[in-house]
Amino acid sequence: MALVAKYYAAIWANDQAEYINPFFPYLGYEIGNQSALNAFRHFARYMNDEYRPIPSSIISEGVGYWHGAKDRGDGAMIAYGAARYALARGNEKEARELWPLIEWCLEYCRRKLTDQGVVASDSDELENRFPAGNANLCTSSLYYDALLSASFLGKELGLPSSRLKEYSQQAAALRRAIESHFGYDIEGYKSYRYYEGNDVLRAWICMPLTVGIYDRSRGTIDALFSSRLWTNDGLLTQAGTETFWDRSTLYALRGTIAAGEVEKGIDFLKQYSQRRLLGDHVPYAIEAWPEGDQRHLSAESGLYCRIFTEGLFGIRPTGFRSFEMTPRLPKDWKYANLNKVRAFNSDFDIQVVRVKDKLDVRVYKGKELVYKKKIKEGESVRIVLSV
């Protein structure tokens, strides 16, 4: 039986810019870092003074582009990914090169704000397979996180404090708008509607959890893992259908753990891992079902890794050599280590050990102990790595 391999000869604002590129710096994988930088360079070619949207996908090393679903919220995806990549990478030269792209995308999103204060778009990353209204929760969540990252990155680049304050104020206003416009009691759960008029549970209600918005975490998590959305293959895209995409499942698992529902998140992570990593479809996450016969997507699989860096260890980049960390440890785990992290211009190890009712957090650079503190469950710490 002959096997036929198929590839997408393209760079996408979601798969590359949003999903995998922010993760590459943690690996110390230089080819990955260079691919990330080159992807952002390709998108930057399409910046324009009229603020027409950047295409969703750049085809075949830049010979063309695809923009078939029009604006999917691609500006928010790119700003989110580029800012997080620049911070974690910790390379000032690269950050200065990426800053105009980040700034352009943020301004593009600002110009797309509706009267309700959320970001309008023609579709979302599902490209009209499912309704997304005129403004969807996913795009506004990504824009919110990008504004926060921009305030951190701008400080590292020496931008005026007035500009940084502006980004922070815009983020605060957007967070309020997300609550007032998308916050909703839907199918009996205090969670979110995905767009105005949506009255059926959607998988992407998980997005606020991944950007540190936990106002509706309990209802959202209960909805995600209810029989209306959760299946043996992860989350349904929309309750009452049979379609699932791994990307939303991986975002939801990360957000659930980050929000403090560790036991539930780990239990469902085990289920997913058993099904995907040890089952018939390995080693990558699948794009969709029933569409495409469960094709694998390697870049999307970076979201699985981010469950651990951003969910379990709760790492949030705040500078070229600094990050916030909110580690989570399942009750039956005595410890968790994350070794040989190559981000933030450093090579370091993180150790989290349970000591009675607290967590002993330690960070090492080689054999040198550079941080040590006992914290309560759910407490955040700020790590600054020296030169």
Protein backbone atom coordinates (compact mmCIF):
# COMPACT_ATOMS: atom_id res chain seq x y z
CA MET A 1 0.00 0.00 0.00
CA ALA A 2 1.49 3.31 -1.09
CA LEU A 3 1.52 6.19 1.41
CA VAL A 4 1.02 9.70 0.08
CA ALA A 5 2.33 12.65 2.08
CA LYS A 6 0.65 16.02 1.74
CA TYR A 7 2.01 19.32 2.99
CA TYR A 8 0.78 22.86 3.34
CA ALA A 9 3.42 24.94 1.57
CA ALA A 10 2.45 28.01 3.52
CA ILE A 11 2.96 30.12 6.65
CA TRP A 12 -0.17 30.89 8.61
CA ALA A 13 -1.05 33.68 11.03
CA ASN A 14 -2.49 31.11 13.41
CA ASP A 15 -0.44 27.91 13.01
CA GLN A 16 2.98 29.56 12.87
CA ALA A 17 2.62 33.08 14.26
CA GLU A 18 0.16 32.30 17.06
CA TYR A 19 0.64 28.61 17.96
CA ILE A 20 4.26 27.52 17.59
CA ASN A 21 6.47 30.60 17.24
CA PRO A 22 6.04 31.79 20.86
CA PHE A 23 7.22 28.36 22.01
CA PHE A 24 10.41 27.97 19.94
CA PRO A 25 12.65 30.13 22.21
CA TYR A 26 12.11 27.74 25.13
CA LEU A 27 13.74 24.90 23.19
CA GLY A 28 16.99 26.53 22.19
CA TYR A 29 16.23 25.18 18.71
CA GLU A 30 17.91 27.73 16.47
CA ILE A 31 16.28 26.50 13.26
CA GLY A 32 12.90 26.96 14.94
CA ASN A 33 13.79 30.45 16.09
CA GLN A 34 14.96 31.41 12.62
CA SER A 35 11.81 29.99 11.06
CA ALA A 36 9.75 32.07 13.46
CA LEU A 37 11.63 35.25 12.66
CA ASN A 38 11.38 34.61 8.92
CA ALA A 39 7.64 33.93 9.20
CA PHE A 40 7.12 37.31 10.87
CA ARG A 41 9.30 38.95 8.21
CA HIS A 42 7.02 37.57 5.51
CA PHE A 43 3.92 38.96 7.22
CA ALA A 44 5.65 42.31 7.71
CA ARG A 45 5.95 42.69 3.92
CA TYR A 46 2.20 43.27 3.82
CA MET A 47 2.02 46.19 6.23
CA ASN A 48 0.47 49.21 4.53
CA ASP A 49 -0.43 52.82 5.31
CA GLU A 50 -4.13 52.22 4.58
CA TYR A 51 -4.36 49.48 7.22
CA ARG A 52 -5.72 46.88 4.87
CA PRO A 53 -5.57 43.46 6.57
CA ILE A 54 -2.42 41.34 6.37
CA PRO A 55 -3.14 38.09 4.47
CA SER A 56 -3.95 35.00 6.51
CA SER A 57 -1.27 32.89 4.82
CA ILE A 58 1.94 33.41 2.87
CA ILE A 59 2.39 30.75 0.19
CA SER A 60 5.53 28.93 -0.97
CA GLU A 61 8.22 31.05 0.64
CA GLY A 62 6.52 34.29 -0.29
CA VAL A 63 5.58 33.83 -3.95
CA GLY A 64 1.94 34.52 -3.14
CA TYR A 65 -0.66 34.62 -0.40
CA TRP A 66 -4.07 33.25 0.58
CA HIS A 67 -6.76 35.52 1.94
CA GLY A 68 -9.85 33.50 1.11
CA ALA A 69 -11.66 34.00 4.42
CA LYS A 70 -10.76 37.70 4.49
CA ASP A 71 -9.80 39.11 7.91
CA ARG A 72 -9.85 36.17 10.37
CA GLY A 73 -8.42 38.23 13.20
CA ASP A 74 -4.97 37.68 11.71
CA GLY A 75 -3.64 40.99 13.02
CA ALA A 76 -4.36 39.92 16.59
CA MET A 77 -2.81 36.50 15.97
CA ILE A 78 0.40 38.03 14.61
CA ALA A 79 0.71 40.70 17.32
CA TYR A 80 0.11 38.09 20.03
CA GLY A 81 2.68 35.66 18.64
CA ALA A 82 5.35 38.16 17.64
CA ALA A 83 5.31 39.97 21.00
CA ARG A 84 5.49 36.75 23.02
CA TYR A 85 8.22 35.41 20.75
CA ALA A 86 10.28 38.60 21.06
CA LEU A 87 10.05 38.61 24.85
CA ALA A 88 10.91 34.94 25.30
CA ARG A 89 13.66 35.06 22.68
CA GLY A 90 15.34 37.90 24.54
CA ASN A 91 17.18 39.21 21.50
CA GLU A 92 17.01 42.99 21.37
CA LYS A 93 18.02 43.20 17.72
CA GLU A 94 15.24 40.84 16.66
CA ALA A 95 12.76 42.61 18.92
CA ARG A 96 13.53 45.97 17.34
CA GLU A 97 13.03 44.43 13.91
CA LEU A 98 9.68 42.94 14.96
CA TRP A 99 8.40 45.99 16.80
CA PRO A 100 7.02 47.83 13.70
CA LEU A 101 5.01 44.72 12.79
CA ILE A 102 3.66 44.37 16.34
CA GLU A 103 2.83 48.07 16.50
CA TRP A 104 1.11 47.98 13.10
CA CYS A 105 -1.01 44.96 14.05
CA LEU A 106 -2.05 46.55 17.34
CA GLU A 107 -3.10 49.72 15.57
CA TYR A 108 -4.97 47.66 12.97
CA CYS A 109 -6.93 45.95 15.76
CA ARG A 110 -7.61 49.25 17.50
CA ARG A 111 -9.12 50.61 14.29
CA LYS A 112 -11.39 47.55 14.13
CA LEU A 113 -12.93 48.10 17.57
CA THR A 114 -16.72 48.11 17.52
CA ASP A 115 -19.02 50.40 19.46
CA GLN A 116 -19.00 47.66 22.13
CA GLY A 117 -15.20 47.89 22.38
CA VAL A 118 -14.35 44.45 20.93
CA VAL A 119 -12.48 43.64 17.71
CA ALA A 120 -14.44 43.15 14.50
CA SER A 121 -13.37 40.62 11.88
CA ASP A 122 -14.85 38.92 8.81
CA SER A 123 -14.41 35.41 10.20
CA ASP A 124 -12.12 33.52 12.58
CA GLU A 125 -9.45 30.87 12.15
CA LEU A 126 -12.12 28.27 11.31
CA GLU A 127 -12.68 30.28 8.10
CA ASN A 128 -16.49 30.27 8.02
CA ARG A 129 -16.86 26.57 8.73
CA PHE A 130 -18.81 27.69 11.79
CA PRO A 131 -20.44 31.07 12.47
CA ALA A 132 -18.29 33.71 14.14
CA GLY A 133 -20.45 36.82 13.85
CA ASN A 134 -18.98 40.25 13.22
CA ALA A 135 -16.72 40.08 16.28
CA ASN A 136 -15.58 36.92 18.07
CA LEU A 137 -14.18 36.11 21.50
CA CYS A 138 -10.96 34.56 20.18
CA THR A 139 -9.73 37.65 18.34
CA SER A 140 -10.41 40.02 21.22
CA SER A 141 -8.68 37.66 23.69
CA LEU A 142 -5.55 37.53 21.52
CA TYR A 143 -5.54 41.30 21.09
CA TYR A 144 -5.84 41.73 24.87
CA ASP A 145 -2.80 39.54 25.49
CA ALA A 146 -0.86 41.28 22.71
CA LEU A 147 -1.43 44.66 24.36
CA LEU A 148 -0.04 43.34 27.63
CA SER A 149 3.00 41.88 25.89
CA ALA A 150 3.54 45.13 23.99
CA SER A 151 3.68 47.07 27.24
CA PHE A 152 6.38 44.70 28.53
CA LEU A 153 8.31 44.68 25.26
CA GLY A 154 8.06 48.42 24.81
CA LYS A 155 9.66 48.94 28.20
CA GLU A 156 12.60 46.75 27.18
CA LEU A 157 12.98 48.79 23.98
CA GLY A 158 12.91 52.10 25.83
CA LEU A 159 9.60 53.38 24.48
CA PRO A 160 8.09 56.44 26.16
CA SER A 161 6.16 55.66 29.33
CA SER A 162 3.13 57.41 27.82
CA ARG A 163 3.00 54.79 25.06
CA LEU A 164 3.28 51.93 27.54
CA LYS A 165 0.52 53.46 29.67
CA GLU A 166 -1.64 53.72 26.57
CA TYR A 167 -1.27 50.00 25.85
CA SER A 168 -2.06 49.12 29.45
CA GLN A 169 -5.16 51.32 29.42
CA GLN A 170 -6.31 49.81 26.13
CA ALA A 171 -5.87 46.32 27.59
CA ALA A 172 -7.91 47.23 30.68
CA ALA A 173 -10.69 48.70 28.55
CA LEU A 174 -10.71 45.63 26.31
CA ARG A 175 -10.94 43.30 29.28
CA ARG A 176 -14.03 45.17 30.48
CA ALA A 177 -15.50 45.00 26.98
CA ILE A 178 -14.87 41.25 26.76
CA GLU A 179 -16.84 40.77 29.96
CA SER A 180 -19.70 43.09 29.03
CA HIS A 181 -20.07 41.94 25.41
CA PHE A 182 -19.14 38.26 25.51
CA GLY A 183 -19.86 37.38 29.16
CA TYR A 184 -23.03 35.31 29.05
CA ASP A 185 -25.06 32.61 30.71
CA ILE A 186 -25.22 30.02 27.95
CA GLU A 187 -26.85 26.62 28.18
CA GLY A 188 -26.93 27.00 31.95
CA TYR A 189 -23.24 27.90 32.33
CA LYS A 190 -21.85 31.25 33.45
CA SER A 191 -19.37 31.53 30.61
CA TYR A 192 -19.15 33.33 27.26
CA ARG A 193 -20.98 33.58 24.01
CA TYR A 194 -18.59 33.33 21.09
CA TYR A 195 -20.24 36.15 19.19
CA GLU A 196 -23.36 38.28 19.48
CA GLY A 197 -26.40 36.08 18.92
CA ASN A 198 -24.56 32.85 19.75
CA ASP A 199 -26.66 30.67 22.06
CA VAL A 200 -24.87 27.32 21.71
CA LEU A 201 -21.68 26.32 23.56
CA ARG A 202 -18.49 26.70 21.54
CA ALA A 203 -15.01 25.29 22.23
CA TRP A 204 -13.35 28.71 21.94
CA ILE A 205 -14.94 29.93 25.18
CA CYS A 206 -11.63 28.68 26.62
CA MET A 207 -9.66 31.61 25.17
CA PRO A 208 -9.95 34.06 28.10
CA LEU A 209 -8.46 31.39 30.40
CA THR A 210 -5.28 31.29 28.29
CA VAL A 211 -4.69 35.04 28.62
CA GLY A 212 -5.21 35.31 32.36
CA ILE A 213 -8.90 36.28 32.44
CA TYR A 214 -10.46 34.03 35.07
CA ASP A 215 -13.64 35.99 35.88
CA ARG A 216 -15.83 33.20 34.50
CA SER A 217 -13.40 30.31 34.89
CA ARG A 218 -15.63 27.97 36.92
CA GLY A 219 -18.60 28.11 34.56
CA THR A 220 -16.36 28.00 31.50
CA ILE A 221 -14.43 24.95 32.68
CA ASP A 222 -17.63 23.15 33.67
CA ALA A 223 -19.02 23.86 30.19
CA LEU A 224 -15.87 22.73 28.39
CA PHE A 225 -15.81 19.35 30.10
CA SER A 226 -19.56 18.79 30.03
CA SER A 227 -21.15 16.16 27.84
CA ARG A 228 -22.20 18.95 25.51
CA LEU A 229 -18.62 19.64 24.41
CA TRP A 230 -16.18 16.95 25.60
CA THR A 231 -15.79 13.69 23.66
CA ASN A 232 -13.24 10.89 23.53
CA ASP A 233 -11.42 12.97 20.92
CA GLY A 234 -11.47 16.21 22.86
CA LEU A 235 -13.72 19.23 22.42
CA LEU A 236 -16.43 19.56 19.84
CA THR A 237 -16.15 22.81 17.95
CA GLN A 238 -19.82 23.47 18.64
CA ALA A 239 -22.19 21.61 20.92
CA GLY A 240 -24.55 19.32 19.03
CA THR A 241 -22.17 18.68 16.13
CA GLU A 242 -19.57 15.97 15.46
CA THR A 243 -16.69 18.21 14.38
CA PHE A 244 -13.57 18.55 16.53
CA TRP A 245 -10.27 20.37 16.09
CA ASP A 246 -7.37 19.60 18.42
CA ARG A 247 -6.31 23.23 18.65
CA SER A 248 -9.24 24.24 20.85
CA THR A 249 -8.76 21.18 23.05
CA LEU A 250 -5.10 22.06 23.61
CA TYR A 251 -5.92 25.68 24.40
CA ALA A 252 -8.63 24.54 26.83
CA LEU A 253 -6.33 22.14 28.68
CA ARG A 254 -3.72 24.87 29.09
CA GLY A 255 -6.25 27.43 30.25
CA THR A 256 -7.93 25.03 32.67
CA ILE A 257 -4.67 24.23 34.46
CA ALA A 258 -3.55 27.87 34.44
CA ALA A 259 -6.87 28.86 36.01
CA GLY A 260 -6.22 26.52 38.94
CA GLU A 261 -8.48 23.58 38.04
CA VAL A 262 -5.40 21.38 38.05
CA GLU A 263 -6.92 17.99 38.79
CA LYS A 264 -9.59 18.30 36.14
CA GLY A 265 -7.09 19.62 33.60
CA ILE A 266 -4.58 16.85 34.26
CA ASP A 267 -7.25 14.14 34.10
CA PHE A 268 -8.43 15.27 30.70
CA LEU A 269 -4.84 15.84 29.56
CA LYS A 270 -4.14 12.18 30.35
CA GLN A 271 -7.18 11.17 28.31
CA TYR A 272 -6.08 13.26 25.37
CA SER A 273 -2.46 12.04 25.58
CA GLN A 274 -3.57 8.41 25.69
CA ARG A 275 -5.76 8.95 22.66
CA ARG A 276 -3.34 11.00 20.56
CA LEU A 277 0.23 10.30 21.60
CA LEU A 278 -0.23 6.61 22.31
CA GLY A 279 -3.16 5.87 19.99
CA ASP A 280 -3.62 5.57 16.26
CA HIS A 281 -2.86 9.17 15.36
CA VAL A 282 0.70 10.04 16.32
CA PRO A 283 2.77 12.08 16.91
CA TYR A 284 1.01 15.31 15.94
CA ALA A 285 -2.26 16.99 16.76
CA ILE A 286 -4.94 16.55 14.11
CA GLU A 287 -6.42 19.39 12.13
CA ALA A 288 -10.08 18.45 11.98
CA TRP A 289 -12.61 15.70 11.80
CA PRO A 290 -14.51 14.65 9.75
CA GLU A 291 -12.81 17.08 7.37
CA GLY A 292 -9.46 15.98 5.90
CA ASP A 293 -9.42 12.50 7.45
CA GLN A 294 -7.72 13.76 10.62
CA ARG A 295 -4.66 15.27 8.96
CA HIS A 296 -1.77 16.01 11.29
CA LEU A 297 -0.46 19.51 11.87
CA SER A 298 3.03 19.82 13.32
CA ALA A 299 2.86 23.54 14.20
CA GLU A 300 -0.46 23.08 15.97
CA SER A 301 1.22 20.45 18.13
CA GLY A 302 3.24 23.21 19.76
CA LEU A 303 0.05 23.97 21.68
CA TYR A 304 0.45 20.62 23.44
CA CYS A 305 3.90 21.65 24.70
CA ARG A 306 2.56 24.99 25.86
CA ILE A 307 0.19 23.18 28.23
CA PHE A 308 3.28 22.52 30.34
CA THR A 309 5.24 25.76 29.97
CA GLU A 310 2.26 28.12 30.30
CA GLY A 311 -0.29 25.90 32.03
CA LEU A 312 1.51 23.67 34.52
CA PHE A 313 4.42 26.05 35.18
CA GLY A 314 2.43 29.19 34.39
CA ILE A 315 5.24 31.04 32.60
CA ARG A 316 4.32 34.47 31.25
CA PRO A 317 7.13 36.48 29.55
CA THR A 318 7.61 39.98 30.95
CA GLY A 319 11.03 40.96 29.62
CA PHE A 320 14.15 39.83 27.81
CA ARG A 321 15.41 38.25 31.03
CA SER A 322 12.30 38.09 33.18
CA PHE A 323 9.03 36.21 33.47
CA GLU A 324 6.17 35.66 35.87
CA MET A 325 5.47 32.11 36.95
CA THR A 326 2.42 30.57 38.61
CA PRO A 327 3.31 26.88 39.01
CA ARG A 328 0.57 24.30 39.46
CA LEU A 329 1.19 20.87 40.93
CA PRO A 330 -1.40 18.05 40.84
CA LYS A 331 -2.17 16.73 44.32
CA ASP A 332 -0.56 13.34 43.72
CA TRP A 333 2.65 14.86 42.29
CA LYS A 334 5.54 15.39 44.71
CA TYR A 335 7.46 17.53 42.27
CA ALA A 336 7.72 18.79 38.68
CA ASN A 337 10.88 19.88 36.87
CA LEU A 338 11.32 21.84 33.66
CA ASN A 339 14.97 21.49 32.68
CA LYS A 340 17.17 23.08 30.04
CA VAL A 341 14.87 26.00 29.30
CA ARG A 342 16.67 28.19 26.76
CA ALA A 343 14.44 31.26 26.78
CA PHE A 344 15.12 34.75 28.14
CA ASN A 345 18.76 34.76 27.04
CA SER A 346 19.51 31.98 29.51
CA ASP A 347 19.83 28.25 30.03
CA PHE A 348 18.05 27.37 33.26
CA ASP A 349 16.12 24.71 35.17
CA ILE A 350 12.91 25.08 37.18
CA GLN A 351 12.12 22.79 40.10
CA VAL A 352 8.80 22.80 41.95
CA VAL A 353 8.54 20.53 45.01
CA ARG A 354 5.55 20.03 47.27
CA VAL A 355 6.42 20.78 50.93
CA LYS A 356 3.33 20.20 53.06
CA ASP A 357 0.78 22.80 51.97
CA LYS A 358 3.24 24.90 49.98
CA LEU A 359 5.34 24.70 46.84
CA ASP A 360 9.10 25.12 47.01
CA VAL A 361 10.11 26.90 43.80
CA ARG A 362 13.73 26.92 42.72
CA VAL A 363 15.47 28.16 39.59
CA TYR A 364 19.00 27.08 38.69
CA LYS A 365 21.45 28.32 36.09
CA GLY A 366 23.75 25.34 35.85
CA LYS A 367 24.56 24.48 39.45
CA GLU A 368 23.94 28.01 40.69
CA LEU A 369 20.70 28.57 42.61
CA VAL A 370 19.37 31.91 41.37
CA TYR A 371 15.89 31.88 42.91
CA LYS A 372 14.28 30.15 45.86
CA LYS A 373 10.92 30.74 47.51
CA LYS A 374 8.13 28.77 49.17
CA ILE A 375 4.75 29.88 47.92
CA LYS A 376 1.09 29.05 48.36
CA GLU A 377 -0.82 27.18 45.67
CA GLY A 378 -1.80 29.68 42.99
CA GLU A 379 0.72 32.32 44.03
CA SER A 380 2.75 34.00 41.31
CA VAL A 381 6.44 34.82 41.44
CA ARG A 382 8.62 37.04 39.27
CA ILE A 383 11.92 35.64 38.08
CA VAL A 384 14.72 37.89 36.85
CA LEU A 385 17.68 36.13 35.29
CA SER A 386 21.02 37.88 35.49
CA VAL A 387 23.39 38.27 32.56
